[in-house]
Amino acid sequence: MSPVRIKQLLDEKPFRPFTVVTGDGTAVKVMSREFAWLRPGNRTMVVAVPRKAHPTEEEDFDDHNIDVFLITKVIEHPSKRTNGHTKK
């Protein structure tokens, strides 16, 4: 996948969660733009995934280093509105 496309997803306003899928079938959900970023050079995306609900410490997260060019699919999730209903 193109780093430009990943930047577009991360910069989208309002942010919508998405899942990236790599060629080996690994799926990693990006829940918030604060939990994902591109390293300098834009080749590697780092995604921090909480291990538990309401994480408070650094060790409460798993870090995934993903080669952007090995991402084969992006699944965009519907954004939730503040009243709990999904936007149509």
C-alpha atoms as a PDB file:
ATOM      1  CA  MET A   1       0.000   0.000   0.000  1.00  0.00           C
ATOM      2  CA  SER A   2       1.097   3.543  -0.557  1.00  0.00           C
ATOM      3  CA  PRO A   3       2.322   5.583   2.444  1.00  0.00           C
ATOM      4  CA  VAL A   4       0.220   8.434   1.036  1.00  0.00           C
ATOM      5  CA  ARG A   5      -2.945   6.332   1.526  1.00  0.00           C
ATOM      6  CA  ILE A   6      -1.968   5.526   5.121  1.00  0.00           C
ATOM      7  CA  LYS A   7      -1.385   9.249   5.786  1.00  0.00           C
ATOM      8  CA  GLN A   8      -4.826  10.014   4.366  1.00  0.00           C
ATOM      9  CA  LEU A   9      -6.443   7.495   6.704  1.00  0.00           C
ATOM     10  CA  LEU A  10      -4.556   8.809   9.733  1.00  0.00           C
ATOM     11  CA  ASP A  11      -5.330  12.450   8.899  1.00  0.00           C
ATOM     12  CA  GLU A  12      -9.012  11.939   8.111  1.00  0.00           C
ATOM     13  CA  LYS A  13     -11.316  14.256  10.083  1.00  0.00           C
ATOM     14  CA  PRO A  14     -13.178  13.017  11.890  1.00  0.00           C
ATOM     15  CA  PHE A  15     -10.928  10.010  12.368  1.00  0.00           C
ATOM     16  CA  ARG A  16     -12.498   6.659  11.529  1.00  0.00           C
ATOM     17  CA  PRO A  17     -10.986   3.461  12.949  1.00  0.00           C
ATOM     18  CA  PHE A  18      -9.606   1.025  10.399  1.00  0.00           C
ATOM     19  CA  THR A  19      -7.873  -2.326  10.236  1.00  0.00           C
ATOM     20  CA  VAL A  20      -4.795  -3.024   8.130  1.00  0.00           C
ATOM     21  CA  VAL A  21      -4.267  -6.531   6.785  1.00  0.00           C
ATOM     22  CA  THR A  22      -0.847  -7.725   5.627  1.00  0.00           C
ATOM     23  CA  GLY A  23      -0.012 -10.359   3.024  1.00  0.00           C
ATOM     24  CA  ASP A  24       0.354 -13.077   5.672  1.00  0.00           C
ATOM     25  CA  GLY A  25      -3.165 -12.373   6.977  1.00  0.00           C
ATOM     26  CA  THR A  26      -2.156 -10.434  10.077  1.00  0.00           C
ATOM     27  CA  ALA A  27      -4.849  -7.875  10.951  1.00  0.00           C
ATOM     28  CA  VAL A  28      -4.150  -4.891  13.203  1.00  0.00           C
ATOM     29  CA  LYS A  29      -6.879  -2.447  14.218  1.00  0.00           C
ATOM     30  CA  VAL A  30      -5.999   1.251  14.348  1.00  0.00           C
ATOM     31  CA  MET A  31      -8.405   2.606  16.960  1.00  0.00           C
ATOM     32  CA  SER A  32      -7.178   6.203  17.081  1.00  0.00           C
ATOM     33  CA  ARG A  33      -4.654   8.414  15.286  1.00  0.00           C
ATOM     34  CA  GLU A  34      -2.865   8.767  18.630  1.00  0.00           C
ATOM     35  CA  PHE A  35      -2.137   5.023  18.528  1.00  0.00           C
ATOM     36  CA  ALA A  36      -0.574   4.946  15.045  1.00  0.00           C
ATOM     37  CA  TRP A  37       2.125   6.834  13.194  1.00  0.00           C
ATOM     38  CA  LEU A  38       4.528   6.522  10.291  1.00  0.00           C
ATOM     39  CA  ARG A  39       8.234   6.410  11.057  1.00  0.00           C
ATOM     40  CA  PRO A  40      10.500   8.872   9.235  1.00  0.00           C
ATOM     41  CA  GLY A  41      10.833   7.648   5.662  1.00  0.00           C
ATOM     42  CA  ASN A  42       7.168   6.492   5.663  1.00  0.00           C
ATOM     43  CA  ARG A  43       8.110   2.831   5.137  1.00  0.00           C
ATOM     44  CA  THR A  44       7.037   1.543   8.576  1.00  0.00           C
ATOM     45  CA  MET A  45       3.773   2.168  10.394  1.00  0.00           C
ATOM     46  CA  VAL A  46       3.789   1.687  14.157  1.00  0.00           C
ATOM     47  CA  VAL A  47       0.484   0.785  15.790  1.00  0.00           C
ATOM     48  CA  ALA A  48       0.026   0.602  19.562  1.00  0.00           C
ATOM     49  CA  VAL A  49      -2.773  -1.817  20.459  1.00  0.00           C
ATOM     50  CA  PRO A  50      -4.119  -1.887  24.025  1.00  0.00           C
ATOM     51  CA  ARG A  51      -3.861  -5.250  25.768  1.00  0.00           C
ATOM     52  CA  LYS A  52      -6.736  -4.416  28.129  1.00  0.00           C
ATOM     53  CA  ALA A  53      -9.577  -1.970  28.583  1.00  0.00           C
ATOM     54  CA  HIS A  54      -8.568   1.427  29.963  1.00  0.00           C
ATOM     55  CA  PRO A  55      -4.786   1.095  29.599  1.00  0.00           C
ATOM     56  CA  THR A  56      -2.767   3.489  31.751  1.00  0.00           C
ATOM     57  CA  GLU A  57       0.831   2.281  31.470  1.00  0.00           C
ATOM     58  CA  GLU A  58       3.164   1.815  28.518  1.00  0.00           C
ATOM     59  CA  GLU A  59       3.335  -1.931  29.162  1.00  0.00           C
ATOM     60  CA  ASP A  60      -0.454  -2.102  28.662  1.00  0.00           C
ATOM     61  CA  PHE A  61       0.141  -1.845  24.894  1.00  0.00           C
ATOM     62  CA  ASP A  62       1.521  -4.126  22.194  1.00  0.00           C
ATOM     63  CA  ASP A  63       3.504  -2.350  19.463  1.00  0.00           C
ATOM     64  CA  HIS A  64       3.177  -3.559  15.889  1.00  0.00           C
ATOM     65  CA  ASN A  65       5.773  -2.468  13.315  1.00  0.00           C
ATOM     66  CA  ILE A  66       4.199  -2.927   9.901  1.00  0.00           C
ATOM     67  CA  ASP A  67       5.927  -2.510   6.548  1.00  0.00           C
ATOM     68  CA  VAL A  68       3.505  -0.224   4.723  1.00  0.00           C
ATOM     69  CA  PHE A  69       4.265  -1.867   1.378  1.00  0.00           C
ATOM     70  CA  LEU A  70       3.147  -5.264   2.759  1.00  0.00           C
ATOM     71  CA  ILE A  71      -0.349  -4.002   3.627  1.00  0.00           C
ATOM     72  CA  THR A  72      -2.715  -5.692   1.194  1.00  0.00           C
ATOM     73  CA  LYS A  73      -6.061  -4.434   2.463  1.00  0.00           C
ATOM     74  CA  VAL A  74      -7.566  -1.704   4.624  1.00  0.00           C
ATOM     75  CA  ILE A  75     -10.948  -2.260   6.250  1.00  0.00           C
ATOM     76  CA  GLU A  76     -12.566   1.024   7.216  1.00  0.00           C
ATOM     77  CA  HIS A  77     -14.959   0.841  10.165  1.00  0.00           C
ATOM     78  CA  PRO A  78     -18.022   3.036  10.466  1.00  0.00           C
ATOM     79  CA  SER A  79     -17.556   5.992  12.759  1.00  0.00           C
ATOM     80  CA  LYS A  80     -19.773   6.161  15.805  1.00  0.00           C
ATOM     81  CA  ARG A  81     -21.704   9.291  16.531  1.00  0.00           C
ATOM     82  CA  THR A  82     -21.792  10.710  20.025  1.00  0.00           C
ATOM     83  CA  ASN A  83     -25.303   9.367  20.615  1.00  0.00           C
ATOM     84  CA  GLY A  84     -24.092   5.800  20.051  1.00  0.00           C
ATOM     85  CA  HIS A  85     -25.674   5.364  16.624  1.00  0.00           C
ATOM     86  CA  THR A  86     -23.537   4.708  13.601  1.00  0.00           C
ATOM     87  CA  LYS A  87     -23.573   7.274  10.825  1.00  0.00           C
ATOM     88  CA  LYS A  88     -25.291   6.143   7.625  1.00  0.00           C
END
